[in-house]
Amino acid sequence: MIAATNQIEEAARVGRKLRYPEHINVAVPEGTKARLDALLDDGEERLSLIRDALEREIRRRERLSKKISDND
């Protein structure tokens, strides 16, 4: 049994590193998915749009936070 567990653990480590290892589940207001889908470019995935928007907002807030702390 122990040998089988070790083989499973080793098999789980094989392969490429995950590009997006963290997961977030978020509930959104009704109609949000349809609004996102209407804005997608041809071939663009909804998750790609969400990731880009999150990254932009995080950077914006980090810059704002740095400006505020620099003024103190």
PDB file of N, CA and C in Angstrom:
ATOM      1  N   MET A   1       0.822  -1.200   0.000  1.00  0.00           N
ATOM      2  CA  MET A   1       0.000   0.000   0.000  1.00  0.00           C
ATOM      3  C   MET A   1       0.859   1.254   0.000  1.00  0.00           C
ATOM      4  N   ILE A   2       1.930   1.261   0.801  1.00  0.00           N
ATOM      5  CA  ILE A   2       2.801   2.423   0.863  1.00  0.00           C
ATOM      6  C   ILE A   2       3.473   2.658  -0.483  1.00  0.00           C
ATOM      7  N   ALA A   3       3.908   1.596  -1.142  1.00  0.00           N
ATOM      8  CA  ALA A   3       4.551   1.726  -2.449  1.00  0.00           C
ATOM      9  C   ALA A   3       3.591   2.338  -3.461  1.00  0.00           C
ATOM     10  N   ALA A   4       2.357   1.916  -3.444  1.00  0.00           N
ATOM     11  CA  ALA A   4       1.369   2.469  -4.372  1.00  0.00           C
ATOM     12  C   ALA A   4       1.144   3.947  -4.111  1.00  0.00           C
ATOM     13  N   THR A   5       1.121   4.362  -2.855  1.00  0.00           N
ATOM     14  CA  THR A   5       0.935   5.769  -2.511  1.00  0.00           C
ATOM     15  C   THR A   5       2.102   6.601  -3.021  1.00  0.00           C
ATOM     16  N   ASN A   6       3.323   6.085  -2.856  1.00  0.00           N
ATOM     17  CA  ASN A   6       4.500   6.799  -3.341  1.00  0.00           C
ATOM     18  C   ASN A   6       4.473   6.933  -4.854  1.00  0.00           C
ATOM     19  N   GLN A   7       4.031   5.913  -5.555  1.00  0.00           N
ATOM     20  CA  GLN A   7       3.947   5.975  -7.006  1.00  0.00           C
ATOM     21  C   GLN A   7       2.928   7.027  -7.436  1.00  0.00           C
ATOM     22  N   ILE A   8       1.828   7.104  -6.746  1.00  0.00           N
ATOM     23  CA  ILE A   8       0.805   8.098  -7.062  1.00  0.00           C
ATOM     24  C   ILE A   8       1.347   9.503  -6.828  1.00  0.00           C
ATOM     25  N   GLU A   9       2.048   9.711  -5.709  1.00  0.00           N
ATOM     26  CA  GLU A   9       2.616  11.025  -5.413  1.00  0.00           C
ATOM     27  C   GLU A   9       3.650  11.419  -6.464  1.00  0.00           C
ATOM     28  N   GLU A  10       4.494  10.469  -6.891  1.00  0.00           N
ATOM     29  CA  GLU A  10       5.492  10.763  -7.905  1.00  0.00           C
ATOM     30  C   GLU A  10       4.816  11.075  -9.231  1.00  0.00           C
ATOM     31  N   ALA A  11       3.774  10.339  -9.577  1.00  0.00           N
ATOM     32  CA  ALA A  11       3.059  10.579 -10.824  1.00  0.00           C
ATOM     33  C   ALA A  11       2.414  11.956 -10.815  1.00  0.00           C
ATOM     34  N   ALA A  12       1.965  12.418  -9.674  1.00  0.00           N
ATOM     35  CA  ALA A  12       1.324  13.729  -9.582  1.00  0.00           C
ATOM     36  C   ALA A  12       2.333  14.846  -9.827  1.00  0.00           C
ATOM     37  N   ARG A  13       3.608  14.600  -9.546  1.00  0.00           N
ATOM     38  CA  ARG A  13       4.635  15.635  -9.726  1.00  0.00           C
ATOM     39  C   ARG A  13       5.176  15.666 -11.148  1.00  0.00           C
ATOM     40  N   VAL A  14       4.880  14.672 -11.944  1.00  0.00           N
ATOM     41  CA  VAL A  14       5.379  14.589 -13.301  1.00  0.00           C
ATOM     42  C   VAL A  14       4.579  15.535 -14.180  1.00  0.00           C
ATOM     43  N   GLY A  15       5.257  16.155 -15.128  1.00  0.00           N
ATOM     44  CA  GLY A  15       4.573  17.035 -16.066  1.00  0.00           C
ATOM     45  C   GLY A  15       4.999  18.467 -15.880  1.00  0.00           C
ATOM     46  N   ARG A  16       4.362  19.333 -16.614  1.00  0.00           N
ATOM     47  CA  ARG A  16       4.744  20.743 -16.569  1.00  0.00           C
ATOM     48  C   ARG A  16       4.160  21.445 -15.356  1.00  0.00           C
ATOM     49  N   LYS A  17       4.798  22.536 -15.012  1.00  0.00           N
ATOM     50  CA  LYS A  17       4.344  23.343 -13.889  1.00  0.00           C
ATOM     51  C   LYS A  17       3.038  24.047 -14.288  1.00  0.00           C
ATOM     52  N   LEU A  18       2.111  24.112 -13.348  1.00  0.00           N
ATOM     53  CA  LEU A  18       0.843  24.783 -13.623  1.00  0.00           C
ATOM     54  C   LEU A  18       1.069  26.259 -13.906  1.00  0.00           C
ATOM     55  N   ARG A  19       0.432  26.769 -14.929  1.00  0.00           N
ATOM     56  CA  ARG A  19       0.543  28.186 -15.262  1.00  0.00           C
ATOM     57  C   ARG A  19      -0.232  29.037 -14.265  1.00  0.00           C
ATOM     58  N   TYR A  20      -1.364  28.540 -13.846  1.00  0.00           N
ATOM     59  CA  TYR A  20      -2.216  29.252 -12.895  1.00  0.00           C
ATOM     60  C   TYR A  20      -2.501  28.333 -11.712  1.00  0.00           C
ATOM     61  N   PRO A  21      -1.606  28.259 -10.736  1.00  0.00           N
ATOM     62  CA  PRO A  21      -1.780  27.304  -9.641  1.00  0.00           C
ATOM     63  C   PRO A  21      -2.826  27.712  -8.601  1.00  0.00           C
ATOM     64  N   GLU A  22      -3.206  28.967  -8.558  1.00  0.00           N
ATOM     65  CA  GLU A  22      -4.202  29.401  -7.571  1.00  0.00           C
ATOM     66  C   GLU A  22      -5.575  29.505  -8.223  1.00  0.00           C
ATOM     67  N   HIS A  23      -6.589  29.145  -7.449  1.00  0.00           N
ATOM     68  CA  HIS A  23      -7.966  29.167  -7.957  1.00  0.00           C
ATOM     69  C   HIS A  23      -8.816  30.075  -7.082  1.00  0.00           C
ATOM     70  N   ILE A  24      -9.730  30.779  -7.731  1.00  0.00           N
ATOM     71  CA  ILE A  24     -10.690  31.632  -7.029  1.00  0.00           C
ATOM     72  C   ILE A  24     -12.071  31.326  -7.608  1.00  0.00           C
ATOM     73  N   ASN A  25     -13.013  31.065  -6.749  1.00  0.00           N
ATOM     74  CA  ASN A  25     -14.402  30.920  -7.177  1.00  0.00           C
ATOM     75  C   ASN A  25     -15.128  32.183  -6.764  1.00  0.00           C
ATOM     76  N   VAL A  26     -15.833  32.772  -7.697  1.00  0.00           N
ATOM     77  CA  VAL A  26     -16.497  34.033  -7.401  1.00  0.00           C
ATOM     78  C   VAL A  26     -17.937  33.991  -7.922  1.00  0.00           C
ATOM     79  N   ALA A  27     -18.833  34.464  -7.102  1.00  0.00           N
ATOM     80  CA  ALA A  27     -20.231  34.602  -7.514  1.00  0.00           C
ATOM     81  C   ALA A  27     -20.409  36.016  -8.074  1.00  0.00           C
ATOM     82  N   VAL A  28     -21.104  36.123  -9.175  1.00  0.00           N
ATOM     83  CA  VAL A  28     -21.312  37.419  -9.818  1.00  0.00           C
ATOM     84  C   VAL A  28     -22.805  37.654 -10.018  1.00  0.00           C
ATOM     85  N   PRO A  29     -23.191  38.908 -10.155  1.00  0.00           N
ATOM     86  CA  PRO A  29     -24.612  39.195 -10.372  1.00  0.00           C
ATOM     87  C   PRO A  29     -25.131  38.557 -11.665  1.00  0.00           C
ATOM     88  N   GLU A  30     -26.403  38.281 -11.673  1.00  0.00           N
ATOM     89  CA  GLU A  30     -27.032  37.687 -12.847  1.00  0.00           C
ATOM     90  C   GLU A  30     -26.782  38.568 -14.072  1.00  0.00           C
ATOM     91  N   GLY A  31     -26.435  37.936 -15.158  1.00  0.00           N
ATOM     92  CA  GLY A  31     -26.195  38.659 -16.409  1.00  0.00           C
ATOM     93  C   GLY A  31     -24.728  38.998 -16.647  1.00  0.00           C
ATOM     94  N   THR A  32     -23.883  38.825 -15.649  1.00  0.00           N
ATOM     95  CA  THR A  32     -22.468  39.182 -15.791  1.00  0.00           C
ATOM     96  C   THR A  32     -21.776  38.305 -16.825  1.00  0.00           C
ATOM     97  N   LYS A  33     -22.029  37.000 -16.796  1.00  0.00           N
ATOM     98  CA  LYS A  33     -21.399  36.113 -17.775  1.00  0.00           C
ATOM     99  C   LYS A  33     -21.783  36.511 -19.195  1.00  0.00           C
ATOM    100  N   ALA A  34     -23.027  36.843 -19.412  1.00  0.00           N
ATOM    101  CA  ALA A  34     -23.476  37.242 -20.745  1.00  0.00           C
ATOM    102  C   ALA A  34     -22.804  38.549 -21.173  1.00  0.00           C
ATOM    103  N   ARG A  35     -22.651  39.477 -20.236  1.00  0.00           N
ATOM    104  CA  ARG A  35     -21.971  40.745 -20.547  1.00  0.00           C
ATOM    105  C   ARG A  35     -20.518  40.501 -20.913  1.00  0.00           C
ATOM    106  N   LEU A  36     -19.851  39.610 -20.151  1.00  0.00           N
ATOM    107  CA  LEU A  36     -18.464  39.270 -20.476  1.00  0.00           C
ATOM    108  C   LEU A  36     -18.374  38.614 -21.851  1.00  0.00           C
ATOM    109  N   ASP A  37     -19.232  37.655 -22.096  1.00  0.00           N
ATOM    110  CA  ASP A  37     -19.206  36.935 -23.368  1.00  0.00           C
ATOM    111  C   ASP A  37     -19.421  37.874 -24.552  1.00  0.00           C
ATOM    112  N   ALA A  38     -20.235  38.890 -24.376  1.00  0.00           N
ATOM    113  CA  ALA A  38     -20.494  39.843 -25.453  1.00  0.00           C
ATOM    114  C   ALA A  38     -19.259  40.686 -25.776  1.00  0.00           C
ATOM    115  N   LEU A  39     -18.319  40.775 -24.845  1.00  0.00           N
ATOM    116  CA  LEU A  39     -17.121  41.589 -25.030  1.00  0.00           C
ATOM    117  C   LEU A  39     -15.902  40.800 -25.503  1.00  0.00           C
ATOM    118  N   LEU A  40     -16.018  39.484 -25.569  1.00  0.00           N
ATOM    119  CA  LEU A  40     -14.880  38.650 -25.944  1.00  0.00           C
ATOM    120  C   LEU A  40     -14.512  38.823 -27.409  1.00  0.00           C
ATOM    121  N   ASP A  41     -13.203  38.852 -27.677  1.00  0.00           N
ATOM    122  CA  ASP A  41     -12.716  38.840 -29.049  1.00  0.00           C
ATOM    123  C   ASP A  41     -12.868  37.434 -29.607  1.00  0.00           C
ATOM    124  N   ASP A  42     -12.792  37.286 -30.920  1.00  0.00           N
ATOM    125  CA  ASP A  42     -12.892  35.961 -31.538  1.00  0.00           C
ATOM    126  C   ASP A  42     -11.811  35.055 -30.979  1.00  0.00           C
ATOM    127  N   GLY A  43     -12.214  33.886 -30.487  1.00  0.00           N
ATOM    128  CA  GLY A  43     -11.286  32.915 -29.951  1.00  0.00           C
ATOM    129  C   GLY A  43     -10.808  33.188 -28.529  1.00  0.00           C
ATOM    130  N   GLU A  44     -11.184  34.315 -27.948  1.00  0.00           N
ATOM    131  CA  GLU A  44     -10.765  34.652 -26.586  1.00  0.00           C
ATOM    132  C   GLU A  44     -11.623  33.879 -25.583  1.00  0.00           C
ATOM    133  N   GLU A  45     -10.996  33.409 -24.533  1.00  0.00           N
ATOM    134  CA  GLU A  45     -11.719  32.704 -23.487  1.00  0.00           C
ATOM    135  C   GLU A  45     -12.152  33.680 -22.393  1.00  0.00           C
ATOM    136  N   ARG A  46     -13.280  33.394 -21.785  1.00  0.00           N
ATOM    137  CA  ARG A  46     -13.801  34.238 -20.712  1.00  0.00           C
ATOM    138  C   ARG A  46     -12.783  34.375 -19.575  1.00  0.00           C
ATOM    139  N   LEU A  47     -12.146  33.269 -19.210  1.00  0.00           N
ATOM    140  CA  LEU A  47     -11.169  33.318 -18.120  1.00  0.00           C
ATOM    141  C   LEU A  47      -9.999  34.235 -18.442  1.00  0.00           C
ATOM    142  N   SER A  48      -9.611  34.298 -19.678  1.00  0.00           N
ATOM    143  CA  SER A  48      -8.522  35.183 -20.081  1.00  0.00           C
ATOM    144  C   SER A  48      -8.906  36.641 -19.841  1.00  0.00           C
ATOM    145  N   LEU A  49     -10.117  37.003 -20.199  1.00  0.00           N
ATOM    146  CA  LEU A  49     -10.609  38.359 -19.959  1.00  0.00           C
ATOM    147  C   LEU A  49     -10.651  38.662 -18.462  1.00  0.00           C
ATOM    148  N   ILE A  50     -11.125  37.719 -17.672  1.00  0.00           N
ATOM    149  CA  ILE A  50     -11.216  37.913 -16.224  1.00  0.00           C
ATOM    150  C   ILE A  50      -9.826  38.049 -15.612  1.00  0.00           C
ATOM    151  N   ARG A  51      -8.891  37.175 -16.012  1.00  0.00           N
ATOM    152  CA  ARG A  51      -7.522  37.263 -15.483  1.00  0.00           C
ATOM    153  C   ARG A  51      -6.887  38.610 -15.804  1.00  0.00           C
ATOM    154  N   ASP A  52      -7.041  39.063 -17.062  1.00  0.00           N
ATOM    155  CA  ASP A  52      -6.465  40.355 -17.472  1.00  0.00           C
ATOM    156  C   ASP A  52      -7.063  41.503 -16.666  1.00  0.00           C
ATOM    157  N   ALA A  53      -8.376  41.479 -16.485  1.00  0.00           N
ATOM    158  CA  ALA A  53      -9.041  42.542 -15.729  1.00  0.00           C
ATOM    159  C   ALA A  53      -8.585  42.545 -14.272  1.00  0.00           C
ATOM    160  N   LEU A  54      -8.469  41.364 -13.673  1.00  0.00           N
ATOM    161  CA  LEU A  54      -7.990  41.278 -12.289  1.00  0.00           C
ATOM    162  C   LEU A  54      -6.569  41.811 -12.168  1.00  0.00           C
ATOM    163  N   GLU A  55      -5.701  41.422 -13.076  1.00  0.00           N
ATOM    164  CA  GLU A  55      -4.306  41.857 -13.024  1.00  0.00           C
ATOM    165  C   GLU A  55      -4.207  43.385 -13.169  1.00  0.00           C
ATOM    166  N   ARG A  56      -4.972  43.962 -14.088  1.00  0.00           N
ATOM    167  CA  ARG A  56      -4.972  45.429 -14.258  1.00  0.00           C
ATOM    168  C   ARG A  56      -5.435  46.136 -12.989  1.00  0.00           C
ATOM    169  N   GLU A  57      -6.492  45.629 -12.382  1.00  0.00           N
ATOM    170  CA  GLU A  57      -7.028  46.253 -11.171  1.00  0.00           C
ATOM    171  C   GLU A  57      -6.050  46.118 -10.004  1.00  0.00           C
ATOM    172  N   ILE A  58      -5.410  44.966  -9.889  1.00  0.00           N
ATOM    173  CA  ILE A  58      -4.416  44.784  -8.819  1.00  0.00           C
ATOM    174  C   ILE A  58      -3.265  45.766  -9.005  1.00  0.00           C
ATOM    175  N   ARG A  59      -2.741  45.876 -10.230  1.00  0.00           N
ATOM    176  CA  ARG A  59      -1.636  46.822 -10.489  1.00  0.00           C
ATOM    177  C   ARG A  59      -2.061  48.260 -10.199  1.00  0.00           C
ATOM    178  N   ARG A  60      -3.284  48.613 -10.600  1.00  0.00           N
ATOM    179  CA  ARG A  60      -3.782  49.972 -10.368  1.00  0.00           C
ATOM    180  C   ARG A  60      -3.821  50.276  -8.877  1.00  0.00           C
ATOM    181  N   ARG A  61      -4.339  49.335  -8.102  1.00  0.00           N
ATOM    182  CA  ARG A  61      -4.432  49.549  -6.654  1.00  0.00           C
ATOM    183  C   ARG A  61      -3.069  49.552  -5.980  1.00  0.00           C
ATOM    184  N   GLU A  62      -2.150  48.741  -6.480  1.00  0.00           N
ATOM    185  CA  GLU A  62      -0.792  48.755  -5.938  1.00  0.00           C
ATOM    186  C   GLU A  62      -0.121  50.105  -6.191  1.00  0.00           C
ATOM    187  N   ARG A  63      -0.299  50.651  -7.398  1.00  0.00           N
ATOM    188  CA  ARG A  63       0.262  51.982  -7.701  1.00  0.00           C
ATOM    189  C   ARG A  63      -0.353  53.042  -6.802  1.00  0.00           C
ATOM    190  N   LEU A  64      -1.663  52.992  -6.635  1.00  0.00           N
ATOM    191  CA  LEU A  64      -2.354  53.951  -5.780  1.00  0.00           C
ATOM    192  C   LEU A  64      -1.874  53.838  -4.344  1.00  0.00           C
ATOM    193  N   SER A  65      -1.728  52.624  -3.860  1.00  0.00           N
ATOM    194  CA  SER A  65      -1.244  52.404  -2.497  1.00  0.00           C
ATOM    195  C   SER A  65       0.173  52.938  -2.330  1.00  0.00           C
ATOM    196  N   LYS A  66       1.021  52.764  -3.333  1.00  0.00           N
ATOM    197  CA  LYS A  66       2.405  53.264  -3.272  1.00  0.00           C
ATOM    198  C   LYS A  66       2.402  54.792  -3.258  1.00  0.00           C
ATOM    199  N   LYS A  67       1.560  55.423  -4.076  1.00  0.00           N
ATOM    200  CA  LYS A  67       1.486  56.892  -4.096  1.00  0.00           C
ATOM    201  C   LYS A  67       1.055  57.426  -2.729  1.00  0.00           C
ATOM    202  N   ILE A  68       0.080  56.776  -2.129  1.00  0.00           N
ATOM    203  CA  ILE A  68      -0.405  57.220  -0.815  1.00  0.00           C
ATOM    204  C   ILE A  68       0.684  57.073   0.226  1.00  0.00           C
ATOM    205  N   SER A  69       1.396  55.940   0.201  1.00  0.00           N
ATOM    206  CA  SER A  69       2.443  55.728   1.211  1.00  0.00           C
ATOM    207  C   SER A  69       3.638  56.647   0.970  1.00  0.00           C
ATOM    208  N   ASP A  70       3.912  57.022  -0.271  1.00  0.00           N
ATOM    209  CA  ASP A  70       4.998  57.953  -0.573  1.00  0.00           C
ATOM    210  C   ASP A  70       4.694  59.355  -0.089  1.00  0.00           C
ATOM    211  N   ASN A  71       3.411  59.701  -0.025  1.00  0.00           N
ATOM    212  CA  ASN A  71       3.008  61.044   0.424  1.00  0.00           C
ATOM    213  C   ASN A  71       2.998  61.171   1.946  1.00  0.00           C
ATOM    214  N   ASP A  72       3.073  60.073   2.646  1.00  0.00           N
ATOM    215  CA  ASP A  72       3.046  60.115   4.113  1.00  0.00           C
ATOM    216  C   ASP A  72       4.367  60.487   4.705  1.00  0.00           C
TER     217      ASP A  72
END
